[in-house]
Amino acid sequence: MIKISIVKIIKKELKSQIAEIAPFLCANIEKKIESPKFISKPYFLLKCI
């Protein structure tokens, strides 16, 4: 039970950090998508969050 609550806390922290960073990541990723070598999978993952 203790492990589960720790995981939940970590996930909450990660989500709040991702929410803060996401706009910057999206801007960078949109620039990279213009280059043909870029793999767009992370972009779609970000859209899902």
PDB file of N, CA and C in Angstrom:
ATOM      1  N   MET A   1       0.830  -1.207   0.000  1.00  0.00           N
ATOM      2  CA  MET A   1       0.000   0.000   0.000  1.00  0.00           C
ATOM      3  C   MET A   1       0.867   1.261   0.000  1.00  0.00           C
ATOM      4  N   ILE A   2       1.947   1.220   0.750  1.00  0.00           N
ATOM      5  CA  ILE A   2       2.822   2.395   0.824  1.00  0.00           C
ATOM      6  C   ILE A   2       3.442   2.676  -0.544  1.00  0.00           C
ATOM      7  N   LYS A   3       3.853   1.619  -1.237  1.00  0.00           N
ATOM      8  CA  LYS A   3       4.465   1.794  -2.559  1.00  0.00           C
ATOM      9  C   LYS A   3       3.495   2.469  -3.518  1.00  0.00           C
ATOM     10  N   ILE A   4       2.239   2.054  -3.473  1.00  0.00           N
ATOM     11  CA  ILE A   4       1.233   2.617  -4.380  1.00  0.00           C
ATOM     12  C   ILE A   4       1.074   4.113  -4.135  1.00  0.00           C
ATOM     13  N   SER A   5       1.015   4.526  -2.879  1.00  0.00           N
ATOM     14  CA  SER A   5       0.835   5.953  -2.587  1.00  0.00           C
ATOM     15  C   SER A   5       2.054   6.760  -3.027  1.00  0.00           C
ATOM     16  N   ILE A   6       3.241   6.180  -2.904  1.00  0.00           N
ATOM     17  CA  ILE A   6       4.456   6.872  -3.349  1.00  0.00           C
ATOM     18  C   ILE A   6       4.410   7.066  -4.863  1.00  0.00           C
ATOM     19  N   VAL A   7       3.985   6.031  -5.567  1.00  0.00           N
ATOM     20  CA  VAL A   7       3.877   6.127  -7.027  1.00  0.00           C
ATOM     21  C   VAL A   7       2.877   7.211  -7.412  1.00  0.00           C
ATOM     22  N   LYS A   8       1.755   7.275  -6.700  1.00  0.00           N
ATOM     23  CA  LYS A   8       0.747   8.296  -6.993  1.00  0.00           C
ATOM     24  C   LYS A   8       1.311   9.695  -6.791  1.00  0.00           C
ATOM     25  N   ILE A   9       2.065   9.884  -5.717  1.00  0.00           N
ATOM     26  CA  ILE A   9       2.670  11.191  -5.440  1.00  0.00           C
ATOM     27  C   ILE A   9       3.649  11.558  -6.556  1.00  0.00           C
ATOM     28  N   ILE A  10       4.461  10.598  -6.958  1.00  0.00           N
ATOM     29  CA  ILE A  10       5.442  10.852  -8.025  1.00  0.00           C
ATOM     30  C   ILE A  10       4.722  11.219  -9.318  1.00  0.00           C
ATOM     31  N   LYS A  11       3.641  10.498  -9.628  1.00  0.00           N
ATOM     32  CA  LYS A  11       2.892  10.795 -10.853  1.00  0.00           C
ATOM     33  C   LYS A  11       2.301  12.197 -10.806  1.00  0.00           C
ATOM     34  N   LYS A  12       1.788  12.597  -9.649  1.00  0.00           N
ATOM     35  CA  LYS A  12       1.238  13.953  -9.512  1.00  0.00           C
ATOM     36  C   LYS A  12       2.323  14.988  -9.760  1.00  0.00           C
ATOM     37  N   GLU A  13       3.491  14.774  -9.171  1.00  0.00           N
ATOM     38  CA  GLU A  13       4.611  15.698  -9.352  1.00  0.00           C
ATOM     39  C   GLU A  13       5.005  15.786 -10.822  1.00  0.00           C
ATOM     40  N   LEU A  14       5.092  14.629 -11.467  1.00  0.00           N
ATOM     41  CA  LEU A  14       5.472  14.606 -12.879  1.00  0.00           C
ATOM     42  C   LEU A  14       4.456  15.352 -13.723  1.00  0.00           C
ATOM     43  N   LYS A  15       3.176  15.123 -13.447  1.00  0.00           N
ATOM     44  CA  LYS A  15       2.134  15.791 -14.230  1.00  0.00           C
ATOM     45  C   LYS A  15       2.202  17.300 -14.062  1.00  0.00           C
ATOM     46  N   SER A  16       2.444  17.776 -12.846  1.00  0.00           N
ATOM     47  CA  SER A  16       2.517  19.225 -12.635  1.00  0.00           C
ATOM     48  C   SER A  16       3.747  19.801 -13.334  1.00  0.00           C
ATOM     49  N   GLN A  17       4.852  19.065 -13.314  1.00  0.00           N
ATOM     50  CA  GLN A  17       6.058  19.534 -14.003  1.00  0.00           C
ATOM     51  C   GLN A  17       5.849  19.532 -15.509  1.00  0.00           C
ATOM     52  N   ILE A  18       5.206  18.472 -16.014  1.00  0.00           N
ATOM     53  CA  ILE A  18       4.936  18.393 -17.453  1.00  0.00           C
ATOM     54  C   ILE A  18       4.029  19.542 -17.875  1.00  0.00           C
ATOM     55  N   ALA A  19       3.046  19.865 -17.051  1.00  0.00           N
ATOM     56  CA  ALA A  19       2.123  20.958 -17.375  1.00  0.00           C
ATOM     57  C   ALA A  19       2.875  22.283 -17.491  1.00  0.00           C
ATOM     58  N   GLU A  20       3.892  22.465 -16.649  1.00  0.00           N
ATOM     59  CA  GLU A  20       4.680  23.698 -16.700  1.00  0.00           C
ATOM     60  C   GLU A  20       5.593  23.730 -17.925  1.00  0.00           C
ATOM     61  N   ILE A  21       6.150  22.570 -18.272  1.00  0.00           N
ATOM     62  CA  ILE A  21       7.150  22.512 -19.341  1.00  0.00           C
ATOM     63  C   ILE A  21       6.506  22.345 -20.717  1.00  0.00           C
ATOM     64  N   ALA A  22       5.314  21.757 -20.761  1.00  0.00           N
ATOM     65  CA  ALA A  22       4.685  21.366 -22.026  1.00  0.00           C
ATOM     66  C   ALA A  22       4.641  22.463 -23.089  1.00  0.00           C
ATOM     67  N   PRO A  23       4.257  23.695 -22.743  1.00  0.00           N
ATOM     68  CA  PRO A  23       4.203  24.727 -23.793  1.00  0.00           C
ATOM     69  C   PRO A  23       5.548  24.934 -24.494  1.00  0.00           C
ATOM     70  N   PHE A  24       6.634  24.873 -23.719  1.00  0.00           N
ATOM     71  CA  PHE A  24       7.963  25.040 -24.302  1.00  0.00           C
ATOM     72  C   PHE A  24       8.319  23.837 -25.167  1.00  0.00           C
ATOM     73  N   LEU A  25       7.993  22.639 -24.667  1.00  0.00           N
ATOM     74  CA  LEU A  25       8.275  21.422 -25.426  1.00  0.00           C
ATOM     75  C   LEU A  25       7.509  21.422 -26.736  1.00  0.00           C
ATOM     76  N   CYS A  26       6.239  21.782 -26.678  1.00  0.00           N
ATOM     77  CA  CYS A  26       5.413  21.794 -27.885  1.00  0.00           C
ATOM     78  C   CYS A  26       5.988  22.756 -28.914  1.00  0.00           C
ATOM     79  N   ALA A  27       6.431  23.917 -28.468  1.00  0.00           N
ATOM     80  CA  ALA A  27       7.005  24.902 -29.385  1.00  0.00           C
ATOM     81  C   ALA A  27       8.268  24.346 -30.043  1.00  0.00           C
ATOM     82  N   ASN A  28       9.122  23.707 -29.250  1.00  0.00           N
ATOM     83  CA  ASN A  28      10.350  23.126 -29.791  1.00  0.00           C
ATOM     84  C   ASN A  28      10.038  21.992 -30.751  1.00  0.00           C
ATOM     85  N   ILE A  29       9.075  21.165 -30.373  1.00  0.00           N
ATOM     86  CA  ILE A  29       8.737  20.002 -31.192  1.00  0.00           C
ATOM     87  C   ILE A  29       8.136  20.442 -32.523  1.00  0.00           C
ATOM     88  N   GLU A  30       7.298  21.476 -32.503  1.00  0.00           N
ATOM     89  CA  GLU A  30       6.702  21.947 -33.749  1.00  0.00           C
ATOM     90  C   GLU A  30       7.783  22.447 -34.705  1.00  0.00           C
ATOM     91  N   LYS A  31       8.834  23.043 -34.171  1.00  0.00           N
ATOM     92  CA  LYS A  31       9.959  23.464 -35.015  1.00  0.00           C
ATOM     93  C   LYS A  31      10.650  22.242 -35.611  1.00  0.00           C
ATOM     94  N   LYS A  32      10.828  21.204 -34.791  1.00  0.00           N
ATOM     95  CA  LYS A  32      11.549  20.013 -35.243  1.00  0.00           C
ATOM     96  C   LYS A  32      10.739  19.220 -36.266  1.00  0.00           C
ATOM     97  N   ILE A  33       9.421  19.289 -36.175  1.00  0.00           N
ATOM     98  CA  ILE A  33       8.578  18.526 -37.098  1.00  0.00           C
ATOM     99  C   ILE A  33       8.829  18.986 -38.536  1.00  0.00           C
ATOM    100  N   GLU A  34       9.238  20.231 -38.697  1.00  0.00           N
ATOM    101  CA  GLU A  34       9.510  20.750 -40.033  1.00  0.00           C
ATOM    102  C   GLU A  34      10.690  20.017 -40.679  1.00  0.00           C
ATOM    103  N   SER A  35      11.582  19.456 -39.868  1.00  0.00           N
ATOM    104  CA  SER A  35      12.685  18.684 -40.434  1.00  0.00           C
ATOM    105  C   SER A  35      12.221  17.243 -40.657  1.00  0.00           C
ATOM    106  N   PRO A  36      12.498  16.677 -41.820  1.00  0.00           N
ATOM    107  CA  PRO A  36      11.970  15.354 -42.187  1.00  0.00           C
ATOM    108  C   PRO A  36      12.510  14.212 -41.337  1.00  0.00           C
ATOM    109  N   LYS A  37      13.675  14.409 -40.709  1.00  0.00           N
ATOM    110  CA  LYS A  37      14.270  13.332 -39.919  1.00  0.00           C
ATOM    111  C   LYS A  37      13.569  13.150 -38.577  1.00  0.00           C
ATOM    112  N   PHE A  38      12.810  14.170 -38.173  1.00  0.00           N
ATOM    113  CA  PHE A  38      12.204  14.130 -36.843  1.00  0.00           C
ATOM    114  C   PHE A  38      11.143  13.045 -36.749  1.00  0.00           C
ATOM    115  N   ILE A  39      11.187  12.274 -35.672  1.00  0.00           N
ATOM    116  CA  ILE A  39      10.162  11.255 -35.414  1.00  0.00           C
ATOM    117  C   ILE A  39       9.056  11.909 -34.598  1.00  0.00           C
ATOM    118  N   SER A  40       7.829  11.853 -35.097  1.00  0.00           N
ATOM    119  CA  SER A  40       6.752  12.642 -34.491  1.00  0.00           C
ATOM    120  C   SER A  40       6.032  11.939 -33.339  1.00  0.00           C
ATOM    121  N   LYS A  41       6.468  10.736 -32.966  1.00  0.00           N
ATOM    122  CA  LYS A  41       5.787  10.012 -31.886  1.00  0.00           C
ATOM    123  C   LYS A  41       5.755  10.803 -30.576  1.00  0.00           C
ATOM    124  N   PRO A  42       6.866  11.398 -30.110  1.00  0.00           N
ATOM    125  CA  PRO A  42       6.805  12.184 -28.856  1.00  0.00           C
ATOM    126  C   PRO A  42       5.795  13.316 -28.935  1.00  0.00           C
ATOM    127  N   TYR A  43       5.650  13.889 -30.120  1.00  0.00           N
ATOM    128  CA  TYR A  43       4.686  14.978 -30.312  1.00  0.00           C
ATOM    129  C   TYR A  43       3.277  14.494 -29.998  1.00  0.00           C
ATOM    130  N   PHE A  44       2.919  13.319 -30.509  1.00  0.00           N
ATOM    131  CA  PHE A  44       1.581  12.784 -30.268  1.00  0.00           C
ATOM    132  C   PHE A  44       1.399  12.404 -28.801  1.00  0.00           C
ATOM    133  N   LEU A  45       2.463  11.919 -28.185  1.00  0.00           N
ATOM    134  CA  LEU A  45       2.392  11.590 -26.761  1.00  0.00           C
ATOM    135  C   LEU A  45       2.112  12.848 -25.952  1.00  0.00           C
ATOM    136  N   LEU A  46       2.748  13.946 -26.312  1.00  0.00           N
ATOM    137  CA  LEU A  46       2.516  15.206 -25.604  1.00  0.00           C
ATOM    138  C   LEU A  46       1.078  15.670 -25.778  1.00  0.00           C
ATOM    139  N   LYS A  47       0.550  15.506 -26.977  1.00  0.00           N
ATOM    140  CA  LYS A  47      -0.830  15.915 -27.236  1.00  0.00           C
ATOM    141  C   LYS A  47      -1.798  15.138 -26.336  1.00  0.00           C
ATOM    142  N   CYS A  48      -1.434  13.898 -26.013  1.00  0.00           N
ATOM    143  CA  CYS A  48      -2.321  13.040 -25.211  1.00  0.00           C
ATOM    144  C   CYS A  48      -2.348  13.445 -23.742  1.00  0.00           C
ATOM    145  N   ILE A  49      -1.275  14.069 -23.271  1.00  0.00           N
ATOM    146  CA  ILE A  49      -1.164  14.350 -21.831  1.00  0.00           C
ATOM    147  C   ILE A  49      -2.198  15.357 -21.381  1.00  0.00           C
TER     148      ILE A  49
END
